[in-house]
Amino acid sequence: MKTEFKEHKTTLKENGFSITKSIFTKEELLDLISLIEYSKKNYAIRQLINKESKVLELIFKNNDFKELYKTVCCEDYFLSKAIFFNKPSKTNWFVGYHQDISISVKNKIEAEGFSNWTNKNNQLGVIPPKEILENTVTIRIHLDETNETNGALKVIPKTHTKGIIRVDESFKKETLGVEQLCSVEKGGVMLMKPLLLHASSKSISEFDRRVIHLEFCNKEVPMEWLERKEII
């Protein structure tokens, strides 16, 4: 196990996020992009692995990524969500501060601790008990260099320890800590906890900001995960 990967695990636990240097080669990134190049007209592809299963296979062929994953996720973890995001030049938007608190499920089954059901594009979402979100790890693979010009995430460190935070008219980010910009190299990875408060600005760059967003969890839910995939 690489010492730096163990450090990322520690930083993720303490601050709610950690950023690696580039671990994917130019060729690997081109292979991933070629699988999802049809997305040029889309800003997001949900259920990415359900639609293009080879993406996950290619990602886990990278030995550094595989070792990083094994360092931060236990053997009982599985893929619970996969999204491709793009913030293209000129046609994009800002995203205010929020936490990733909704999970995608197969069936609408009322259960204690599960609330705020949604149905968007025939995809069921629900907010689960806090324990499930606390046991989820997000891994964002950056297909492009990401910085302050093209919508890099801004985060407030350590907010993942504060539970679900109401973001309403009374929300004041400055009371929760100092905002930090998360620049990531092309081919780099950002590890994140879903309860970490994060936002992104509108891009002023001519370059895209393409990201493969993967969520992993080790908790089952009564209504079944919509995108559950075992990691071999």
Protein backbone atom coordinates (compact mmCIF):
# COMPACT_ATOMS: atom_id res chain seq x y z
CA MET A 1 0.00 0.00 0.00
CA LYS A 2 1.45 3.36 -1.03
CA THR A 3 2.07 5.71 1.89
CA GLU A 4 0.47 8.57 -0.04
CA PHE A 5 -2.75 6.59 -0.43
CA LYS A 6 -2.92 5.99 3.32
CA GLU A 7 -2.46 9.73 3.77
CA HIS A 8 -5.39 10.36 1.42
CA LYS A 9 -7.53 8.04 3.55
CA THR A 10 -6.60 10.00 6.69
CA THR A 11 -7.21 13.37 5.05
CA LEU A 12 -10.57 12.20 3.68
CA LYS A 13 -11.67 11.18 7.16
CA GLU A 14 -10.48 14.41 8.79
CA ASN A 15 -11.37 17.04 6.18
CA GLY A 16 -14.06 15.30 4.13
CA PHE A 17 -12.01 15.35 0.92
CA SER A 18 -8.57 14.68 -0.52
CA ILE A 19 -7.00 15.26 -3.95
CA THR A 20 -4.44 13.03 -5.68
CA LYS A 21 -1.96 13.87 -8.37
CA SER A 22 -2.64 12.50 -11.87
CA ILE A 23 -2.88 8.70 -11.78
CA PHE A 24 -4.46 8.02 -15.19
CA THR A 25 -2.35 8.14 -18.35
CA LYS A 26 -3.26 10.17 -21.41
CA GLU A 27 -4.11 6.95 -23.24
CA GLU A 28 -6.39 5.74 -20.44
CA LEU A 29 -8.22 9.06 -20.38
CA LEU A 30 -8.70 8.97 -24.16
CA ASP A 31 -10.13 5.44 -23.87
CA LEU A 32 -12.60 6.59 -21.21
CA ILE A 33 -13.57 9.67 -23.21
CA SER A 34 -14.13 7.56 -26.32
CA LEU A 35 -16.68 5.45 -24.43
CA ILE A 36 -18.71 8.47 -23.42
CA GLU A 37 -18.02 10.88 -26.28
CA TYR A 38 -21.67 10.76 -27.29
CA SER A 39 -22.26 12.85 -24.19
CA LYS A 40 -21.02 16.02 -25.88
CA LYS A 41 -24.62 17.15 -26.17
CA ASN A 42 -25.32 16.27 -22.55
CA TYR A 43 -24.22 17.94 -19.33
CA ALA A 44 -24.82 14.79 -17.31
CA ILE A 45 -25.25 11.07 -17.92
CA ARG A 46 -26.88 9.37 -14.97
CA GLN A 47 -26.65 5.61 -14.42
CA LEU A 48 -23.40 5.80 -16.37
CA ILE A 49 -22.28 2.23 -15.67
CA ASN A 50 -25.72 0.82 -16.44
CA LYS A 51 -25.43 2.50 -19.83
CA GLU A 52 -21.74 1.84 -20.47
CA SER A 53 -20.44 -0.97 -18.27
CA LYS A 54 -16.96 -0.96 -19.82
CA VAL A 55 -16.21 2.39 -18.15
CA LEU A 56 -15.90 0.70 -14.75
CA GLU A 57 -13.78 -2.08 -16.23
CA LEU A 58 -11.34 0.42 -17.74
CA ILE A 59 -11.11 2.43 -14.52
CA PHE A 60 -10.21 -0.61 -12.43
CA LYS A 61 -7.55 -1.71 -14.91
CA ASN A 62 -5.50 1.18 -13.59
CA ASN A 63 -3.39 -0.29 -10.78
CA ASP A 64 -2.95 2.98 -8.91
CA PHE A 65 -6.68 3.61 -8.92
CA LYS A 66 -7.34 0.05 -7.78
CA GLU A 67 -4.89 0.44 -4.89
CA LEU A 68 -6.34 3.82 -3.94
CA TYR A 69 -9.84 2.34 -3.95
CA LYS A 70 -8.78 -0.61 -1.77
CA THR A 71 -7.12 1.81 0.64
CA VAL A 72 -10.16 4.02 1.21
CA CYS A 73 -12.94 1.43 0.79
CA CYS A 74 -13.26 -1.88 2.66
CA GLU A 75 -13.89 -5.19 0.88
CA ASP A 76 -17.65 -5.00 1.49
CA TYR A 77 -18.05 -1.78 -0.53
CA PHE A 78 -19.89 -1.73 -3.87
CA LEU A 79 -20.70 0.88 -6.50
CA SER A 80 -23.95 2.67 -5.59
CA LYS A 81 -24.06 5.50 -8.14
CA ALA A 82 -22.21 6.64 -11.27
CA ILE A 83 -22.63 9.92 -13.15
CA PHE A 84 -20.71 11.63 -15.93
CA PHE A 85 -20.68 15.41 -15.51
CA ASN A 86 -19.52 18.04 -17.95
CA LYS A 87 -19.35 21.77 -17.42
CA PRO A 88 -18.68 22.86 -21.03
CA SER A 89 -17.35 26.23 -22.04
CA LYS A 90 -19.88 29.03 -22.65
CA THR A 91 -22.97 26.91 -21.89
CA ASN A 92 -22.77 26.25 -18.16
CA TRP A 93 -23.97 27.37 -14.75
CA PHE A 94 -22.97 27.82 -11.12
CA VAL A 95 -24.05 25.39 -8.41
CA GLY A 96 -24.64 26.71 -4.90
CA TYR A 97 -23.51 25.03 -1.71
CA HIS A 98 -25.13 21.66 -1.06
CA GLN A 99 -24.54 18.13 0.20
CA ASP A 100 -25.12 14.97 -1.87
CA ILE A 101 -27.88 13.47 0.26
CA SER A 102 -30.16 11.67 -2.21
CA ILE A 103 -29.59 8.04 -3.24
CA SER A 104 -31.02 6.25 -6.29
CA VAL A 105 -33.17 3.19 -5.61
CA LYS A 106 -35.25 0.60 -7.50
CA ASN A 107 -38.50 0.57 -5.50
CA LYS A 108 -40.58 2.98 -3.47
CA ILE A 109 -40.83 1.29 -0.10
CA GLU A 110 -41.60 3.40 2.94
CA ALA A 111 -39.10 2.68 5.71
CA GLU A 112 -38.04 4.41 8.91
CA GLY A 113 -35.38 7.06 8.34
CA PHE A 114 -35.99 7.38 4.58
CA SER A 115 -37.67 10.61 3.45
CA ASN A 116 -38.19 13.18 0.69
CA TRP A 117 -38.94 10.86 -2.21
CA THR A 118 -38.38 12.18 -5.74
CA ASN A 119 -38.99 10.80 -9.22
CA LYS A 120 -36.94 12.52 -11.90
CA ASN A 121 -36.89 11.06 -15.40
CA ASN A 122 -38.32 7.80 -13.98
CA GLN A 123 -35.46 7.54 -11.50
CA LEU A 124 -36.45 7.20 -7.86
CA GLY A 125 -34.51 9.13 -5.27
CA VAL A 126 -34.76 9.26 -1.49
CA ILE A 127 -32.82 10.75 1.42
CA PRO A 128 -31.57 7.85 3.56
CA PRO A 129 -30.57 7.75 7.24
CA LYS A 130 -27.37 9.67 7.98
CA GLU A 131 -25.48 6.43 8.64
CA ILE A 132 -25.70 5.44 4.97
CA LEU A 133 -24.31 8.78 3.80
CA GLU A 134 -21.54 8.63 6.40
CA ASN A 135 -20.52 5.23 5.03
CA THR A 136 -20.40 6.42 1.41
CA VAL A 137 -17.22 7.47 -0.39
CA THR A 138 -17.31 9.55 -3.58
CA ILE A 139 -14.45 9.22 -6.06
CA ARG A 140 -14.33 11.81 -8.84
CA ILE A 141 -12.05 11.06 -11.80
CA HIS A 142 -11.09 14.23 -13.66
CA LEU A 143 -10.81 13.83 -17.43
CA ASP A 144 -9.70 17.47 -17.76
CA GLU A 145 -7.55 19.77 -15.67
CA THR A 146 -9.89 21.54 -13.28
CA ASN A 147 -9.16 24.94 -11.76
CA GLU A 148 -10.77 28.25 -10.82
CA THR A 149 -11.51 29.07 -14.49
CA ASN A 150 -13.59 26.01 -15.40
CA GLY A 151 -15.74 25.25 -12.41
CA ALA A 152 -13.52 23.47 -9.89
CA LEU A 153 -15.39 22.48 -6.74
CA LYS A 154 -15.28 24.77 -3.73
CA VAL A 155 -15.65 23.04 -0.38
CA ILE A 156 -15.89 23.88 3.30
CA PRO A 157 -13.57 21.39 5.04
CA LYS A 158 -14.85 19.25 7.91
CA THR A 159 -18.53 20.00 7.28
CA HIS A 160 -19.05 16.28 6.60
CA THR A 161 -19.03 15.79 10.38
CA LYS A 162 -22.00 18.10 10.97
CA GLY A 163 -24.79 15.88 9.64
CA ILE A 164 -27.36 17.14 7.17
CA ILE A 165 -27.14 20.94 6.97
CA ARG A 166 -30.11 23.07 5.95
CA VAL A 167 -29.17 25.36 3.08
CA ASP A 168 -31.89 28.02 3.14
CA GLU A 169 -32.22 31.79 3.44
CA SER A 170 -30.53 31.67 6.86
CA PHE A 171 -27.51 29.69 5.60
CA LYS A 172 -24.19 31.50 6.10
CA LYS A 173 -21.19 29.54 4.81
CA GLU A 174 -18.70 31.74 6.67
CA THR A 175 -19.97 30.40 10.00
CA LEU A 176 -18.97 26.88 9.02
CA GLY A 177 -15.34 27.41 8.04
CA VAL A 178 -13.02 28.74 5.34
CA GLU A 179 -13.89 27.94 1.73
CA GLN A 180 -11.26 26.03 -0.23
CA LEU A 181 -10.90 25.68 -4.02
CA CYS A 182 -10.21 22.13 -5.22
CA SER A 183 -7.96 22.27 -8.29
CA VAL A 184 -7.33 18.82 -9.76
CA GLU A 185 -4.82 17.73 -12.39
CA LYS A 186 -5.98 16.06 -15.59
CA GLY A 187 -6.16 12.38 -14.67
CA GLY A 188 -6.25 13.19 -10.98
CA VAL A 189 -8.83 12.00 -8.47
CA MET A 190 -10.81 13.82 -5.82
CA LEU A 191 -12.04 11.77 -2.88
CA MET A 192 -15.02 13.22 -1.07
CA LYS A 193 -17.64 12.46 1.56
CA PRO A 194 -21.23 13.14 0.40
CA LEU A 195 -22.02 15.27 3.48
CA LEU A 196 -19.18 17.69 2.70
CA LEU A 197 -20.63 21.07 1.68
CA HIS A 198 -19.53 21.84 -1.87
CA ALA A 199 -20.32 24.23 -4.72
CA SER A 200 -18.92 25.26 -8.11
CA SER A 201 -18.71 28.50 -10.05
CA LYS A 202 -19.66 29.13 -13.64
CA SER A 203 -16.84 28.34 -16.06
CA ILE A 204 -15.08 31.25 -17.78
CA SER A 205 -12.75 28.91 -19.66
CA GLU A 206 -12.74 27.64 -23.23
CA PHE A 207 -12.12 24.15 -21.89
CA ASP A 208 -14.56 21.50 -20.65
CA ARG A 209 -14.66 20.15 -17.10
CA ARG A 210 -15.47 16.48 -17.55
CA VAL A 211 -15.72 14.29 -14.44
CA ILE A 212 -16.68 10.68 -13.78
CA HIS A 213 -18.43 10.75 -10.41
CA LEU A 214 -18.57 7.38 -8.62
CA GLU A 215 -20.14 6.65 -5.24
CA PHE A 216 -19.35 3.55 -3.18
CA CYS A 217 -21.18 2.30 -0.08
CA ASN A 218 -21.31 -0.80 2.12
CA LYS A 219 -24.87 -0.49 3.46
CA GLU A 220 -27.89 -2.20 1.94
CA VAL A 221 -31.27 -0.44 1.72
CA PRO A 222 -34.79 -1.99 1.82
CA MET A 223 -35.74 -0.51 -1.56
CA GLU A 224 -32.55 -1.82 -3.28
CA TRP A 225 -29.87 0.30 -4.88
CA LEU A 226 -30.66 1.21 -8.48
CA GLU A 227 -27.07 1.02 -9.72
CA ARG A 228 -25.48 -1.51 -7.39
CA LYS A 229 -22.39 -3.17 -8.87
CA GLU A 230 -19.94 -5.44 -7.11
CA ILE A 231 -16.28 -4.46 -7.29
CA ILE A 232 -14.00 -7.41 -8.06
